[in-house]
Amino acid sequence: MPRYLVQRVFDDMDDDELTELAARSKRIGKEQFPQITWEHSHVVTDGDGNTISFCVYDAPDPQAIYEHATELGRHQVSNVFEIGGDISPSDFPS
């Protein structure tokens, strides 16, 4: 199944609200979008104080990711990139 990197910008919310939203995202995925799997996310704050996440999903297509995002609410999907592969420093000799 294809893997995607999803960039999201969240509405203004505190840490507790963000935690609740992440739990809701997981629940919505399990109940309504069983064809997608949330692998992990990196959450950052940009220079303007916006909370942004970079999430990795297994999904049949980007449309499933957008539909999940619409159901979740309280954020906007900025970009969806299909992941072509993964590399790490251990893949290269010193």
PDB file of N, CA and C in Angstrom:
ATOM      1  N   MET A   1       0.843  -1.177   0.000  1.00  0.00           N
ATOM      2  CA  MET A   1       0.000   0.000   0.000  1.00  0.00           C
ATOM      3  C   MET A   1       0.887   1.237   0.000  1.00  0.00           C
ATOM      4  N   PRO A   2       0.510   2.276  -0.718  1.00  0.00           N
ATOM      5  CA  PRO A   2       1.313   3.504  -0.729  1.00  0.00           C
ATOM      6  C   PRO A   2       1.382   4.138   0.661  1.00  0.00           C
ATOM      7  N   ARG A   3       2.472   4.860   0.882  1.00  0.00           N
ATOM      8  CA  ARG A   3       2.651   5.619   2.119  1.00  0.00           C
ATOM      9  C   ARG A   3       2.714   7.097   1.749  1.00  0.00           C
ATOM     10  N   TYR A   4       2.187   7.934   2.638  1.00  0.00           N
ATOM     11  CA  TYR A   4       2.108   9.365   2.373  1.00  0.00           C
ATOM     12  C   TYR A   4       2.616  10.160   3.561  1.00  0.00           C
ATOM     13  N   LEU A   5       3.272  11.286   3.254  1.00  0.00           N
ATOM     14  CA  LEU A   5       3.645  12.276   4.256  1.00  0.00           C
ATOM     15  C   LEU A   5       2.616  13.398   4.146  1.00  0.00           C
ATOM     16  N   VAL A   6       1.918  13.659   5.249  1.00  0.00           N
ATOM     17  CA  VAL A   6       0.833  14.634   5.267  1.00  0.00           C
ATOM     18  C   VAL A   6       1.240  15.809   6.148  1.00  0.00           C
ATOM     19  N   GLN A   7       1.228  17.003   5.565  1.00  0.00           N
ATOM     20  CA  GLN A   7       1.530  18.219   6.327  1.00  0.00           C
ATOM     21  C   GLN A   7       0.209  18.875   6.718  1.00  0.00           C
ATOM     22  N   ARG A   8       0.022  19.102   8.023  1.00  0.00           N
ATOM     23  CA  ARG A   8      -1.215  19.688   8.548  1.00  0.00           C
ATOM     24  C   ARG A   8      -0.886  20.945   9.353  1.00  0.00           C
ATOM     25  N   VAL A   9      -1.752  21.944   9.247  1.00  0.00           N
ATOM     26  CA  VAL A   9      -1.661  23.147  10.073  1.00  0.00           C
ATOM     27  C   VAL A   9      -2.920  23.172  10.925  1.00  0.00           C
ATOM     28  N   PHE A  10      -2.737  23.226  12.238  1.00  0.00           N
ATOM     29  CA  PHE A  10      -3.851  23.123  13.159  1.00  0.00           C
ATOM     30  C   PHE A  10      -4.399  24.498  13.536  1.00  0.00           C
ATOM     31  N   ASP A  11      -5.704  24.520  13.792  1.00  0.00           N
ATOM     32  CA  ASP A  11      -6.334  25.711  14.349  1.00  0.00           C
ATOM     33  C   ASP A  11      -5.702  25.981  15.706  1.00  0.00           C
ATOM     34  N   ASP A  12      -5.887  27.193  16.218  1.00  0.00           N
ATOM     35  CA  ASP A  12      -5.314  27.556  17.510  1.00  0.00           C
ATOM     36  C   ASP A  12      -5.926  26.684  18.611  1.00  0.00           C
ATOM     37  N   MET A  13      -5.069  25.939  19.312  1.00  0.00           N
ATOM     38  CA  MET A  13      -5.527  25.107  20.429  1.00  0.00           C
ATOM     39  C   MET A  13      -4.363  24.851  21.368  1.00  0.00           C
ATOM     40  N   ASP A  14      -4.692  24.542  22.617  1.00  0.00           N
ATOM     41  CA  ASP A  14      -3.648  24.261  23.602  1.00  0.00           C
ATOM     42  C   ASP A  14      -3.235  22.786  23.521  1.00  0.00           C
ATOM     43  N   ASP A  15      -2.257  22.412  24.329  1.00  0.00           N
ATOM     44  CA  ASP A  15      -1.717  21.045  24.286  1.00  0.00           C
ATOM     45  C   ASP A  15      -2.778  19.994  24.604  1.00  0.00           C
ATOM     46  N   ASP A  16      -3.638  20.278  25.579  1.00  0.00           N
ATOM     47  CA  ASP A  16      -4.689  19.314  25.931  1.00  0.00           C
ATOM     48  C   ASP A  16      -5.658  19.105  24.764  1.00  0.00           C
ATOM     49  N   GLU A  17      -6.030  20.196  24.105  1.00  0.00           N
ATOM     50  CA  GLU A  17      -6.937  20.091  22.962  1.00  0.00           C
ATOM     51  C   GLU A  17      -6.277  19.319  21.812  1.00  0.00           C
ATOM     52  N   LEU A  18      -4.991  19.558  21.608  1.00  0.00           N
ATOM     53  CA  LEU A  18      -4.265  18.843  20.555  1.00  0.00           C
ATOM     54  C   LEU A  18      -4.200  17.352  20.859  1.00  0.00           C
ATOM     55  N   THR A  19      -3.987  17.005  22.131  1.00  0.00           N
ATOM     56  CA  THR A  19      -3.970  15.601  22.540  1.00  0.00           C
ATOM     57  C   THR A  19      -5.336  14.954  22.297  1.00  0.00           C
ATOM     58  N   GLU A  20      -6.396  15.664  22.653  1.00  0.00           N
ATOM     59  CA  GLU A  20      -7.750  15.158  22.424  1.00  0.00           C
ATOM     60  C   GLU A  20      -8.024  14.976  20.930  1.00  0.00           C
ATOM     61  N   LEU A  21      -7.550  15.927  20.113  1.00  0.00           N
ATOM     62  CA  LEU A  21      -7.763  15.835  18.674  1.00  0.00           C
ATOM     63  C   LEU A  21      -7.014  14.638  18.089  1.00  0.00           C
ATOM     64  N   ALA A  22      -5.802  14.387  18.579  1.00  0.00           N
ATOM     65  CA  ALA A  22      -5.035  13.239  18.095  1.00  0.00           C
ATOM     66  C   ALA A  22      -5.737  11.930  18.440  1.00  0.00           C
ATOM     67  N   ALA A  23      -6.282  11.851  19.645  1.00  0.00           N
ATOM     68  CA  ALA A  23      -7.032  10.650  20.034  1.00  0.00           C
ATOM     69  C   ALA A  23      -8.277  10.490  19.166  1.00  0.00           C
ATOM     70  N   ARG A  24      -8.947  11.598  18.880  1.00  0.00           N
ATOM     71  CA  ARG A  24     -10.130  11.554  18.007  1.00  0.00           C
ATOM     72  C   ARG A  24      -9.735  11.123  16.596  1.00  0.00           C
ATOM     73  N   SER A  25      -8.586  11.609  16.114  1.00  0.00           N
ATOM     74  CA  SER A  25      -8.098  11.218  14.796  1.00  0.00           C
ATOM     75  C   SER A  25      -7.903   9.716  14.713  1.00  0.00           C
ATOM     76  N   LYS A  26      -7.302   9.159  15.751  1.00  0.00           N
ATOM     77  CA  LYS A  26      -7.070   7.714  15.800  1.00  0.00           C
ATOM     78  C   LYS A  26      -8.393   6.951  15.813  1.00  0.00           C
ATOM     79  N   ARG A  27      -9.338   7.437  16.612  1.00  0.00           N
ATOM     80  CA  ARG A  27     -10.644   6.777  16.707  1.00  0.00           C
ATOM     81  C   ARG A  27     -11.404   6.845  15.378  1.00  0.00           C
ATOM     82  N   ILE A  28     -11.421   8.019  14.744  1.00  0.00           N
ATOM     83  CA  ILE A  28     -12.095   8.179  13.457  1.00  0.00           C
ATOM     84  C   ILE A  28     -11.457   7.268  12.419  1.00  0.00           C
ATOM     85  N   GLY A  29     -10.128   7.192  12.427  1.00  0.00           N
ATOM     86  CA  GLY A  29      -9.437   6.319  11.488  1.00  0.00           C
ATOM     87  C   GLY A  29      -9.852   4.869  11.659  1.00  0.00           C
ATOM     88  N   LYS A  30      -9.879   4.425  12.900  1.00  0.00           N
ATOM     89  CA  LYS A  30     -10.218   3.030  13.182  1.00  0.00           C
ATOM     90  C   LYS A  30     -11.669   2.718  12.816  1.00  0.00           C
ATOM     91  N   GLU A  31     -12.590   3.624  13.166  1.00  0.00           N
ATOM     92  CA  GLU A  31     -14.009   3.374  12.970  1.00  0.00           C
ATOM     93  C   GLU A  31     -14.509   3.646  11.553  1.00  0.00           C
ATOM     94  N   GLN A  32     -13.996   4.708  10.923  1.00  0.00           N
ATOM     95  CA  GLN A  32     -14.553   5.136   9.643  1.00  0.00           C
ATOM     96  C   GLN A  32     -13.617   4.957   8.455  1.00  0.00           C
ATOM     97  N   PHE A  33     -12.330   4.829   8.714  1.00  0.00           N
ATOM     98  CA  PHE A  33     -11.356   4.726   7.634  1.00  0.00           C
ATOM     99  C   PHE A  33     -10.378   3.581   7.902  1.00  0.00           C
ATOM    100  N   PRO A  34     -10.877   2.359   8.015  1.00  0.00           N
ATOM    101  CA  PRO A  34      -9.994   1.239   8.345  1.00  0.00           C
ATOM    102  C   PRO A  34      -8.944   0.951   7.265  1.00  0.00           C
ATOM    103  N   GLN A  35      -9.114   1.548   6.100  1.00  0.00           N
ATOM    104  CA  GLN A  35      -8.156   1.325   5.014  1.00  0.00           C
ATOM    105  C   GLN A  35      -6.897   2.182   5.162  1.00  0.00           C
ATOM    106  N   ILE A  36      -6.886   3.108   6.133  1.00  0.00           N
ATOM    107  CA  ILE A  36      -5.684   3.911   6.355  1.00  0.00           C
ATOM    108  C   ILE A  36      -5.087   3.577   7.721  1.00  0.00           C
ATOM    109  N   THR A  37      -3.756   3.714   7.811  1.00  0.00           N
ATOM    110  CA  THR A  37      -3.044   3.466   9.062  1.00  0.00           C
ATOM    111  C   THR A  37      -2.131   4.645   9.351  1.00  0.00           C
ATOM    112  N   TRP A  38      -2.288   5.210  10.527  1.00  0.00           N
ATOM    113  CA  TRP A  38      -1.418   6.299  10.988  1.00  0.00           C
ATOM    114  C   TRP A  38      -0.177   5.657  11.580  1.00  0.00           C
ATOM    115  N   GLU A  39       0.990   5.900  10.975  1.00  0.00           N
ATOM    116  CA  GLU A  39       2.256   5.340  11.479  1.00  0.00           C
ATOM    117  C   GLU A  39       2.828   6.176  12.620  1.00  0.00           C
ATOM    118  N   HIS A  40       3.076   7.452  12.342  1.00  0.00           N
ATOM    119  CA  HIS A  40       3.635   8.349  13.355  1.00  0.00           C
ATOM    120  C   HIS A  40       3.561   9.782  12.846  1.00  0.00           C
ATOM    121  N   SER A  41       3.839  10.721  13.748  1.00  0.00           N
ATOM    122  CA  SER A  41       3.823  12.145  13.390  1.00  0.00           C
ATOM    123  C   SER A  41       4.963  12.875  14.093  1.00  0.00           C
ATOM    124  N   HIS A  42       5.401  13.940  13.459  1.00  0.00           N
ATOM    125  CA  HIS A  42       6.320  14.903  14.068  1.00  0.00           C
ATOM    126  C   HIS A  42       5.530  16.202  14.192  1.00  0.00           C
ATOM    127  N   VAL A  43       5.483  16.779  15.390  1.00  0.00           N
ATOM    128  CA  VAL A  43       4.733  17.999  15.629  1.00  0.00           C
ATOM    129  C   VAL A  43       5.725  19.118  15.913  1.00  0.00           C
ATOM    130  N   VAL A  44       5.551  20.246  15.209  1.00  0.00           N
ATOM    131  CA  VAL A  44       6.451  21.390  15.354  1.00  0.00           C
ATOM    132  C   VAL A  44       5.620  22.662  15.518  1.00  0.00           C
ATOM    133  N   THR A  45       6.285  23.712  15.954  1.00  0.00           N
ATOM    134  CA  THR A  45       5.685  25.038  15.999  1.00  0.00           C
ATOM    135  C   THR A  45       6.527  25.937  15.113  1.00  0.00           C
ATOM    136  N   ASP A  46       5.879  26.628  14.165  1.00  0.00           N
ATOM    137  CA  ASP A  46       6.637  27.498  13.271  1.00  0.00           C
ATOM    138  C   ASP A  46       6.913  28.842  13.936  1.00  0.00           C
ATOM    139  N   GLY A  47       7.598  29.736  13.246  1.00  0.00           N
ATOM    140  CA  GLY A  47       7.985  31.034  13.796  1.00  0.00           C
ATOM    141  C   GLY A  47       6.815  31.925  14.168  1.00  0.00           C
ATOM    142  N   ASP A  48       5.637  31.650  13.613  1.00  0.00           N
ATOM    143  CA  ASP A  48       4.440  32.434  13.929  1.00  0.00           C
ATOM    144  C   ASP A  48       3.613  31.799  15.043  1.00  0.00           C
ATOM    145  N   GLY A  49       4.091  30.675  15.604  1.00  0.00           N
ATOM    146  CA  GLY A  49       3.382  30.007  16.685  1.00  0.00           C
ATOM    147  C   GLY A  49       2.337  29.003  16.230  1.00  0.00           C
ATOM    148  N   ASN A  50       2.272  28.725  14.923  1.00  0.00           N
ATOM    149  CA  ASN A  50       1.322  27.744  14.407  1.00  0.00           C
ATOM    150  C   ASN A  50       1.806  26.331  14.682  1.00  0.00           C
ATOM    151  N   THR A  51       0.896  25.449  15.088  1.00  0.00           N
ATOM    152  CA  THR A  51       1.217  24.039  15.282  1.00  0.00           C
ATOM    153  C   THR A  51       1.059  23.334  13.948  1.00  0.00           C
ATOM    154  N   ILE A  52       2.114  22.657  13.528  1.00  0.00           N
ATOM    155  CA  ILE A  52       2.155  21.945  12.252  1.00  0.00           C
ATOM    156  C   ILE A  52       2.585  20.520  12.530  1.00  0.00           C
ATOM    157  N   SER A  53       1.951  19.576  11.851  1.00  0.00           N
ATOM    158  CA  SER A  53       2.394  18.183  11.986  1.00  0.00           C
ATOM    159  C   SER A  53       2.758  17.632  10.629  1.00  0.00           C
ATOM    160  N   PHE A  54       3.680  16.698  10.657  1.00  0.00           N
ATOM    161  CA  PHE A  54       4.086  15.932   9.490  1.00  0.00           C
ATOM    162  C   PHE A  54       3.808  14.477   9.856  1.00  0.00           C
ATOM    163  N   CYS A  55       2.763  13.911   9.247  1.00  0.00           N
ATOM    164  CA  CYS A  55       2.260  12.592   9.621  1.00  0.00           C
ATOM    165  C   CYS A  55       2.512  11.597   8.492  1.00  0.00           C
ATOM    166  N   VAL A  56       2.876  10.388   8.852  1.00  0.00           N
ATOM    167  CA  VAL A  56       3.056   9.318   7.879  1.00  0.00           C
ATOM    168  C   VAL A  56       1.858   8.379   7.980  1.00  0.00           C
ATOM    169  N   TYR A  57       1.237   8.143   6.839  1.00  0.00           N
ATOM    170  CA  TYR A  57       0.069   7.268   6.745  1.00  0.00           C
ATOM    171  C   TYR A  57       0.276   6.235   5.651  1.00  0.00           C
ATOM    172  N   ASP A  58      -0.230   5.027   5.870  1.00  0.00           N
ATOM    173  CA  ASP A  58      -0.468   4.058   4.802  1.00  0.00           C
ATOM    174  C   ASP A  58      -1.897   4.316   4.358  1.00  0.00           C
ATOM    175  N   ALA A  59      -2.108   4.482   3.076  1.00  0.00           N
ATOM    176  CA  ALA A  59      -3.464   4.741   2.576  1.00  0.00           C
ATOM    177  C   ALA A  59      -3.542   4.313   1.118  1.00  0.00           C
ATOM    178  N   PRO A  60      -4.740   3.927   0.658  1.00  0.00           N
ATOM    179  CA  PRO A  60      -4.866   3.503  -0.730  1.00  0.00           C
ATOM    180  C   PRO A  60      -4.654   4.650  -1.711  1.00  0.00           C
ATOM    181  N   ASP A  61      -4.967   5.887  -1.267  1.00  0.00           N
ATOM    182  CA  ASP A  61      -4.822   7.054  -2.141  1.00  0.00           C
ATOM    183  C   ASP A  61      -4.936   8.318  -1.297  1.00  0.00           C
ATOM    184  N   PRO A  62      -4.521   9.477  -1.846  1.00  0.00           N
ATOM    185  CA  PRO A  62      -4.622  10.722  -1.074  1.00  0.00           C
ATOM    186  C   PRO A  62      -6.062  11.082  -0.699  1.00  0.00           C
ATOM    187  N   GLN A  63      -7.027  10.704  -1.517  1.00  0.00           N
ATOM    188  CA  GLN A  63      -8.423  11.037  -1.236  1.00  0.00           C
ATOM    189  C   GLN A  63      -8.857  10.523   0.135  1.00  0.00           C
ATOM    190  N   ALA A  64      -8.448   9.324   0.497  1.00  0.00           N
ATOM    191  CA  ALA A  64      -8.800   8.771   1.813  1.00  0.00           C
ATOM    192  C   ALA A  64      -8.239   9.643   2.934  1.00  0.00           C
ATOM    193  N   ILE A  65      -7.056  10.178   2.738  1.00  0.00           N
ATOM    194  CA  ILE A  65      -6.440  11.052   3.742  1.00  0.00           C
ATOM    195  C   ILE A  65      -7.222  12.355   3.865  1.00  0.00           C
ATOM    196  N   TYR A  66      -7.605  12.937   2.726  1.00  0.00           N
ATOM    197  CA  TYR A  66      -8.393  14.172   2.758  1.00  0.00           C
ATOM    198  C   TYR A  66      -9.763  13.952   3.391  1.00  0.00           C
ATOM    199  N   GLU A  67     -10.392  12.824   3.119  1.00  0.00           N
ATOM    200  CA  GLU A  67     -11.695  12.531   3.713  1.00  0.00           C
ATOM    201  C   GLU A  67     -11.590  12.392   5.236  1.00  0.00           C
ATOM    202  N   HIS A  68     -10.533  11.715   5.692  1.00  0.00           N
ATOM    203  CA  HIS A  68     -10.288  11.597   7.135  1.00  0.00           C
ATOM    204  C   HIS A  68     -10.088  12.982   7.741  1.00  0.00           C
ATOM    205  N   ALA A  69      -9.305  13.828   7.090  1.00  0.00           N
ATOM    206  CA  ALA A  69      -9.030  15.169   7.595  1.00  0.00           C
ATOM    207  C   ALA A  69     -10.306  16.008   7.683  1.00  0.00           C
ATOM    208  N   THR A  70     -11.168  15.886   6.689  1.00  0.00           N
ATOM    209  CA  THR A  70     -12.430  16.621   6.696  1.00  0.00           C
ATOM    210  C   THR A  70     -13.295  16.187   7.868  1.00  0.00           C
ATOM    211  N   GLU A  71     -13.355  14.897   8.105  1.00  0.00           N
ATOM    212  CA  GLU A  71     -14.144  14.371   9.229  1.00  0.00           C
ATOM    213  C   GLU A  71     -13.575  14.850  10.565  1.00  0.00           C
ATOM    214  N   LEU A  72     -12.252  14.910  10.679  1.00  0.00           N
ATOM    215  CA  LEU A  72     -11.603  15.327  11.922  1.00  0.00           C
ATOM    216  C   LEU A  72     -11.834  16.801  12.214  1.00  0.00           C
ATOM    217  N   GLY A  73     -11.618  17.658  11.217  1.00  0.00           N
ATOM    218  CA  GLY A  73     -11.779  19.099  11.406  1.00  0.00           C
ATOM    219  C   GLY A  73     -10.651  19.715  12.213  1.00  0.00           C
ATOM    220  N   ARG A  74     -10.775  21.010  12.490  1.00  0.00           N
ATOM    221  CA  ARG A  74      -9.852  21.801  13.312  1.00  0.00           C
ATOM    222  C   ARG A  74      -8.426  21.874  12.779  1.00  0.00           C
ATOM    223  N   HIS A  75      -8.252  21.616  11.473  1.00  0.00           N
ATOM    224  CA  HIS A  75      -6.952  21.761  10.843  1.00  0.00           C
ATOM    225  C   HIS A  75      -7.136  21.808   9.328  1.00  0.00           C
ATOM    226  N   GLN A  76      -6.060  22.158   8.644  1.00  0.00           N
ATOM    227  CA  GLN A  76      -6.040  22.152   7.194  1.00  0.00           C
ATOM    228  C   GLN A  76      -4.878  21.278   6.738  1.00  0.00           C
ATOM    229  N   VAL A  77      -5.108  20.492   5.710  1.00  0.00           N
ATOM    230  CA  VAL A  77      -4.031  19.719   5.098  1.00  0.00           C
ATOM    231  C   VAL A  77      -3.360  20.624   4.079  1.00  0.00           C
ATOM    232  N   SER A  78      -2.073  20.909   4.300  1.00  0.00           N
ATOM    233  CA  SER A  78      -1.319  21.784   3.398  1.00  0.00           C
ATOM    234  C   SER A  78      -0.770  21.024   2.203  1.00  0.00           C
ATOM    235  N   ASN A  79      -0.260  19.816   2.461  1.00  0.00           N
ATOM    236  CA  ASN A  79       0.362  19.010   1.407  1.00  0.00           C
ATOM    237  C   ASN A  79       0.213  17.536   1.720  1.00  0.00           C
ATOM    238  N   VAL A  80       0.131  16.738   0.670  1.00  0.00           N
ATOM    239  CA  VAL A  80       0.190  15.281   0.773  1.00  0.00           C
ATOM    240  C   VAL A  80       1.202  14.820  -0.264  1.00  0.00           C
ATOM    241  N   PHE A  81       2.240  14.149   0.202  1.00  0.00           N
ATOM    242  CA  PHE A  81       3.300  13.656  -0.671  1.00  0.00           C
ATOM    243  C   PHE A  81       3.347  12.137  -0.600  1.00  0.00           C
ATOM    244  N   GLU A  82       3.390  11.461  -1.742  1.00  0.00           N
ATOM    245  CA  GLU A  82       3.603  10.013  -1.703  1.00  0.00           C
ATOM    246  C   GLU A  82       5.069   9.765  -1.385  1.00  0.00           C
ATOM    247  N   ILE A  83       5.332   8.875  -0.433  1.00  0.00           N
ATOM    248  CA  ILE A  83       6.700   8.567  -0.019  1.00  0.00           C
ATOM    249  C   ILE A  83       7.291   7.566  -1.004  1.00  0.00           C
ATOM    250  N   GLY A  84       8.417   7.929  -1.574  1.00  0.00           N
ATOM    251  CA  GLY A  84       9.089   7.067  -2.535  1.00  0.00           C
ATOM    252  C   GLY A  84      10.034   6.069  -1.883  1.00  0.00           C
ATOM    253  N   GLY A  85      10.444   6.347  -0.659  1.00  0.00           N
ATOM    254  CA  GLY A  85      11.353   5.452   0.070  1.00  0.00           C
ATOM    255  C   GLY A  85      11.853   6.140   1.322  1.00  0.00           C
ATOM    256  N   ASP A  86      12.595   5.394   2.107  1.00  0.00           N
ATOM    257  CA  ASP A  86      13.169   5.913   3.335  1.00  0.00           C
ATOM    258  C   ASP A  86      14.672   5.650   3.317  1.00  0.00           C
ATOM    259  N   ILE A  87      15.428   6.608   3.861  1.00  0.00           N
ATOM    260  CA  ILE A  87      16.870   6.417   4.033  1.00  0.00           C
ATOM    261  C   ILE A  87      17.254   6.920   5.414  1.00  0.00           C
ATOM    262  N   SER A  88      18.380   6.463   5.911  1.00  0.00           N
ATOM    263  CA  SER A  88      18.917   6.929   7.182  1.00  0.00           C
ATOM    264  C   SER A  88      20.435   6.946   7.072  1.00  0.00           C
ATOM    265  N   PRO A  89      21.114   7.569   8.021  1.00  0.00           N
ATOM    266  CA  PRO A  89      22.571   7.602   7.970  1.00  0.00           C
ATOM    267  C   PRO A  89      23.201   6.202   7.913  1.00  0.00           C
ATOM    268  N   SER A  90      22.552   5.229   8.520  1.00  0.00           N
ATOM    269  CA  SER A  90      23.127   3.874   8.517  1.00  0.00           C
ATOM    270  C   SER A  90      23.113   3.231   7.113  1.00  0.00           C
ATOM    271  N   ASP A  91      22.406   3.837   6.184  1.00  0.00           N
ATOM    272  CA  ASP A  91      22.388   3.323   4.810  1.00  0.00           C
ATOM    273  C   ASP A  91      23.667   3.680   4.040  1.00  0.00           C
ATOM    274  N   PHE A  92      24.500   4.534   4.601  1.00  0.00           N
ATOM    275  CA  PHE A  92      25.683   5.040   3.895  1.00  0.00           C
ATOM    276  C   PHE A  92      26.939   4.767   4.702  1.00  0.00           C
ATOM    277  N   PRO A  93      27.995   4.323   4.030  1.00  0.00           N
ATOM    278  CA  PRO A  93      29.241   4.041   4.749  1.00  0.00           C
ATOM    279  C   PRO A  93      29.881   5.345   5.265  1.00  0.00           C
ATOM    280  N   SER A  94      30.658   5.204   6.315  1.00  0.00           N
ATOM    281  CA  SER A  94      31.352   6.374   6.892  1.00  0.00           C
ATOM    282  C   SER A  94      32.540   6.732   6.057  1.00  0.00           C
TER     283      SER A  94
END
